[in-house]
Amino acid sequence: MTMKYFDLSNEEKKILDEFERGEWVEIKETKQEKRHFQRYASNTLNKLKNINIRLSLRDLQRIRAQALESGLPYQTLLSALIHQYAEKKIKLEL
């Protein structure tokens, strides 16, 4: 069996190195975590209005990366953040 080699980005190389050193740990409470994110998703699925928003490419890339880490689509993550702000659960510092 031949092994395929891929060019990894610096971030991917860092993650691979951390994994190989055993720095990544299994999440024991996966059911609780899953319920946590399902709650966020269900709060955002009641769409009443679609909007268009302009973001810098840098901000969008960072949001997508954070959403990926959270296991959520980035639009769901943005919607959850807006919902939390609207419900005064989080504050915006300007």
N, C-alpha and C. Protein backbone atom coordinates (compact mmCIF):
# COMPACT_ATOMS: atom_id res chain seq x y z
N MET A 1 0.85 -1.19 0.00
CA MET A 1 0.00 0.00 0.00
C MET A 1 0.88 1.24 0.00
N THR A 2 0.63 2.13 -0.91
CA THR A 2 1.44 3.34 -0.98
C THR A 2 0.79 4.44 -0.18
N MET A 3 1.63 5.25 0.42
CA MET A 3 1.16 6.36 1.24
C MET A 3 1.13 7.61 0.38
N LYS A 4 0.06 8.36 0.46
CA LYS A 4 -0.03 9.62 -0.28
C LYS A 4 0.50 10.74 0.60
N TYR A 5 1.27 11.62 0.00
CA TYR A 5 1.80 12.75 0.73
C TYR A 5 1.15 14.03 0.22
N PHE A 6 0.84 14.90 1.14
CA PHE A 6 0.19 16.15 0.81
C PHE A 6 1.01 17.29 1.37
N ASP A 7 0.98 18.41 0.69
CA ASP A 7 1.60 19.61 1.24
C ASP A 7 0.68 20.16 2.31
N LEU A 8 1.21 20.33 3.50
CA LEU A 8 0.42 20.84 4.61
C LEU A 8 0.74 22.31 4.83
N SER A 9 -0.28 23.05 5.23
CA SER A 9 -0.05 24.45 5.61
C SER A 9 0.70 24.46 6.94
N ASN A 10 1.21 25.61 7.31
CA ASN A 10 1.91 25.72 8.60
C ASN A 10 0.99 25.35 9.76
N GLU A 11 -0.27 25.78 9.68
CA GLU A 11 -1.24 25.46 10.73
C GLU A 11 -1.49 23.96 10.80
N GLU A 12 -1.63 23.32 9.64
CA GLU A 12 -1.85 21.87 9.61
C GLU A 12 -0.63 21.12 10.14
N LYS A 13 0.57 21.60 9.82
CA LYS A 13 1.80 20.97 10.34
C LYS A 13 1.85 21.09 11.86
N LYS A 14 1.47 22.25 12.37
CA LYS A 14 1.45 22.46 13.82
C LYS A 14 0.48 21.49 14.49
N ILE A 15 -0.71 21.35 13.92
CA ILE A 15 -1.71 20.43 14.48
C ILE A 15 -1.20 19.00 14.44
N LEU A 16 -0.60 18.60 13.33
CA LEU A 16 -0.06 17.25 13.20
C LEU A 16 1.03 17.00 14.24
N ASP A 17 1.92 17.96 14.41
CA ASP A 17 2.99 17.83 15.42
C ASP A 17 2.40 17.69 16.83
N GLU A 18 1.41 18.52 17.15
CA GLU A 18 0.76 18.45 18.46
C GLU A 18 0.09 17.10 18.67
N PHE A 19 -0.56 16.60 17.62
CA PHE A 19 -1.23 15.30 17.70
C PHE A 19 -0.22 14.19 17.95
N GLU A 20 0.87 14.23 17.20
CA GLU A 20 1.88 13.18 17.34
C GLU A 20 2.58 13.22 18.69
N ARG A 21 2.64 14.39 19.33
CA ARG A 21 3.23 14.50 20.67
C ARG A 21 2.21 14.14 21.76
N GLY A 22 0.97 13.85 21.36
CA GLY A 22 -0.05 13.46 22.33
C GLY A 22 -0.69 14.61 23.06
N GLU A 23 -0.63 15.81 22.48
CA GLU A 23 -1.19 16.99 23.13
C GLU A 23 -2.70 17.11 22.96
N TRP A 24 -3.26 16.35 22.04
CA TRP A 24 -4.71 16.39 21.82
C TRP A 24 -5.35 15.33 22.69
N VAL A 25 -6.43 15.67 23.35
CA VAL A 25 -7.11 14.73 24.23
C VAL A 25 -8.55 14.53 23.78
N GLU A 26 -9.07 13.37 24.09
CA GLU A 26 -10.45 13.05 23.75
C GLU A 26 -11.40 13.79 24.68
N ILE A 27 -12.49 14.28 24.12
CA ILE A 27 -13.52 14.93 24.93
C ILE A 27 -14.43 13.83 25.47
N LYS A 28 -14.49 13.74 26.78
CA LYS A 28 -15.28 12.67 27.42
C LYS A 28 -16.77 12.96 27.39
N GLU A 29 -17.13 14.22 27.46
CA GLU A 29 -18.53 14.62 27.55
C GLU A 29 -19.08 14.97 26.18
N THR A 30 -18.92 14.08 25.20
CA THR A 30 -19.34 14.41 23.85
C THR A 30 -20.85 14.59 23.75
N LYS A 31 -21.62 13.82 24.50
CA LYS A 31 -23.08 13.98 24.45
C LYS A 31 -23.49 15.36 24.96
N GLN A 32 -22.86 15.78 26.05
CA GLN A 32 -23.17 17.10 26.61
C GLN A 32 -22.75 18.20 25.63
N GLU A 33 -21.57 18.06 25.04
CA GLU A 33 -21.11 19.04 24.06
C GLU A 33 -22.05 19.09 22.86
N LYS A 34 -22.47 17.92 22.40
CA LYS A 34 -23.37 17.85 21.25
C LYS A 34 -24.68 18.57 21.55
N ARG A 35 -25.25 18.31 22.73
CA ARG A 35 -26.49 19.00 23.12
C ARG A 35 -26.29 20.51 23.18
N HIS A 36 -25.13 20.92 23.68
CA HIS A 36 -24.80 22.34 23.78
C HIS A 36 -24.87 23.01 22.40
N PHE A 37 -24.24 22.40 21.40
CA PHE A 37 -24.21 22.99 20.07
C PHE A 37 -25.54 22.79 19.34
N GLN A 38 -26.26 21.72 19.65
CA GLN A 38 -27.59 21.55 19.05
C GLN A 38 -28.53 22.65 19.53
N ARG A 39 -28.37 23.05 20.79
CA ARG A 39 -29.19 24.14 21.32
C ARG A 39 -28.92 25.44 20.57
N TYR A 40 -27.63 25.72 20.33
CA TYR A 40 -27.28 26.90 19.55
C TYR A 40 -27.88 26.82 18.14
N ALA A 41 -27.74 25.65 17.53
CA ALA A 41 -28.25 25.49 16.16
C ALA A 41 -29.76 25.65 16.12
N SER A 42 -30.47 25.05 17.08
CA SER A 42 -31.93 25.14 17.06
C SER A 42 -32.40 26.58 17.28
N ASN A 43 -31.62 27.36 18.03
CA ASN A 43 -31.97 28.77 18.23
C ASN A 43 -31.82 29.58 16.96
N THR A 44 -30.99 29.10 16.06
CA THR A 44 -30.75 29.87 14.85
C THR A 44 -31.52 29.34 13.65
N LEU A 45 -32.17 28.20 13.78
CA LEU A 45 -32.88 27.63 12.65
C LEU A 45 -34.23 28.28 12.39
N ASN A 46 -34.73 29.06 13.32
CA ASN A 46 -36.01 29.73 13.14
C ASN A 46 -35.81 31.01 12.35
N LYS A 47 -35.39 30.86 11.11
CA LYS A 47 -35.08 32.03 10.29
C LYS A 47 -36.36 32.74 9.88
N LEU A 48 -36.37 34.02 10.13
CA LEU A 48 -37.50 34.83 9.70
C LEU A 48 -37.11 35.74 8.54
N LYS A 49 -35.83 36.09 8.48
CA LYS A 49 -35.40 37.05 7.48
C LYS A 49 -33.95 36.77 7.11
N ASN A 50 -33.67 36.69 5.83
CA ASN A 50 -32.29 36.60 5.35
C ASN A 50 -31.73 37.99 5.21
N ILE A 51 -30.45 38.16 5.53
CA ILE A 51 -29.80 39.46 5.38
C ILE A 51 -28.48 39.27 4.62
N ASN A 52 -28.00 40.35 4.06
CA ASN A 52 -26.67 40.38 3.45
C ASN A 52 -25.79 41.23 4.34
N ILE A 53 -24.57 40.82 4.52
CA ILE A 53 -23.64 41.56 5.36
C ILE A 53 -22.27 41.55 4.70
N ARG A 54 -21.59 42.66 4.78
CA ARG A 54 -20.24 42.76 4.22
C ARG A 54 -19.25 42.61 5.36
N LEU A 55 -18.31 41.67 5.19
CA LEU A 55 -17.26 41.43 6.17
C LEU A 55 -15.92 41.49 5.47
N SER A 56 -14.90 41.84 6.21
CA SER A 56 -13.57 41.77 5.63
C SER A 56 -13.23 40.29 5.42
N LEU A 57 -12.41 40.03 4.43
CA LEU A 57 -12.02 38.65 4.13
C LEU A 57 -11.32 38.04 5.34
N ARG A 58 -10.50 38.83 6.01
CA ARG A 58 -9.78 38.34 7.19
C ARG A 58 -10.74 37.91 8.30
N ASP A 59 -11.74 38.76 8.58
CA ASP A 59 -12.73 38.42 9.60
C ASP A 59 -13.49 37.16 9.22
N LEU A 60 -13.90 37.06 7.96
CA LEU A 60 -14.65 35.89 7.51
C LEU A 60 -13.81 34.62 7.64
N GLN A 61 -12.55 34.69 7.30
CA GLN A 61 -11.68 33.52 7.43
C GLN A 61 -11.54 33.10 8.88
N ARG A 62 -11.39 34.06 9.77
CA ARG A 62 -11.27 33.74 11.19
C ARG A 62 -12.57 33.16 11.74
N ILE A 63 -13.70 33.71 11.32
CA ILE A 63 -15.00 33.20 11.77
C ILE A 63 -15.19 31.77 11.27
N ARG A 64 -14.86 31.52 10.03
CA ARG A 64 -14.99 30.17 9.48
C ARG A 64 -14.10 29.19 10.24
N ALA A 65 -12.89 29.61 10.59
CA ALA A 65 -11.98 28.73 11.34
C ALA A 65 -12.54 28.43 12.72
N GLN A 66 -13.08 29.44 13.39
CA GLN A 66 -13.65 29.22 14.72
C GLN A 66 -14.90 28.36 14.64
N ALA A 67 -15.69 28.55 13.60
CA ALA A 67 -16.88 27.72 13.43
C ALA A 67 -16.48 26.28 13.19
N LEU A 68 -15.45 26.05 12.42
CA LEU A 68 -14.96 24.71 12.16
C LEU A 68 -14.51 24.05 13.45
N GLU A 69 -13.80 24.80 14.29
CA GLU A 69 -13.37 24.27 15.59
C GLU A 69 -14.56 23.92 16.48
N SER A 70 -15.64 24.67 16.33
CA SER A 70 -16.84 24.43 17.14
C SER A 70 -17.75 23.37 16.54
N GLY A 71 -17.48 22.97 15.32
CA GLY A 71 -18.32 21.98 14.67
C GLY A 71 -19.63 22.55 14.14
N LEU A 72 -19.63 23.82 13.86
CA LEU A 72 -20.84 24.49 13.37
C LEU A 72 -20.59 25.11 12.01
N PRO A 73 -21.62 25.22 11.19
CA PRO A 73 -21.48 26.04 9.98
C PRO A 73 -21.25 27.49 10.41
N TYR A 74 -20.44 28.22 9.64
CA TYR A 74 -20.10 29.58 10.07
C TYR A 74 -21.32 30.49 10.13
N GLN A 75 -22.30 30.28 9.25
CA GLN A 75 -23.50 31.12 9.30
C GLN A 75 -24.30 30.85 10.57
N THR A 76 -24.31 29.62 11.03
CA THR A 76 -24.99 29.28 12.28
C THR A 76 -24.28 29.93 13.44
N LEU A 77 -22.94 29.92 13.42
CA LEU A 77 -22.17 30.57 14.47
C LEU A 77 -22.47 32.07 14.51
N LEU A 78 -22.46 32.72 13.35
CA LEU A 78 -22.77 34.15 13.30
C LEU A 78 -24.18 34.43 13.80
N SER A 79 -25.11 33.60 13.39
CA SER A 79 -26.49 33.79 13.82
C SER A 79 -26.62 33.63 15.34
N ALA A 80 -25.90 32.65 15.90
CA ALA A 80 -25.94 32.44 17.35
C ALA A 80 -25.35 33.64 18.09
N LEU A 81 -24.26 34.19 17.55
CA LEU A 81 -23.66 35.37 18.17
C LEU A 81 -24.62 36.56 18.14
N ILE A 82 -25.26 36.78 17.01
CA ILE A 82 -26.22 37.88 16.90
C ILE A 82 -27.40 37.66 17.84
N HIS A 83 -27.87 36.42 17.91
CA HIS A 83 -28.99 36.10 18.81
C HIS A 83 -28.60 36.38 20.26
N GLN A 84 -27.41 35.95 20.66
CA GLN A 84 -26.97 36.19 22.04
C GLN A 84 -26.84 37.68 22.33
N TYR A 85 -26.36 38.43 21.36
CA TYR A 85 -26.26 39.88 21.54
C TYR A 85 -27.66 40.50 21.66
N ALA A 86 -28.57 40.07 20.80
CA ALA A 86 -29.93 40.59 20.84
C ALA A 86 -30.62 40.28 22.16
N GLU A 87 -30.29 39.14 22.75
CA GLU A 87 -30.88 38.75 24.03
C GLU A 87 -30.10 39.30 25.22
N LYS A 88 -29.10 40.16 24.93
CA LYS A 88 -28.26 40.79 25.95
C LYS A 88 -27.50 39.76 26.80
N LYS A 89 -27.16 38.64 26.18
CA LYS A 89 -26.36 37.63 26.87
C LYS A 89 -24.87 37.90 26.72
N ILE A 90 -24.51 38.66 25.68
CA ILE A 90 -23.13 39.08 25.49
C ILE A 90 -23.13 40.57 25.20
N LYS A 91 -22.01 41.22 25.51
CA LYS A 91 -21.88 42.66 25.29
C LYS A 91 -20.81 42.91 24.24
N LEU A 92 -20.98 43.94 23.50
CA LEU A 92 -20.03 44.35 22.48
C LEU A 92 -19.21 45.51 23.01
N GLU A 93 -17.89 45.36 22.92
CA GLU A 93 -17.01 46.45 23.35
C GLU A 93 -16.49 47.16 22.09
N LEU A 94 -16.72 48.45 22.02
CA LEU A 94 -16.27 49.25 20.87
C LEU A 94 -15.11 50.14 21.26
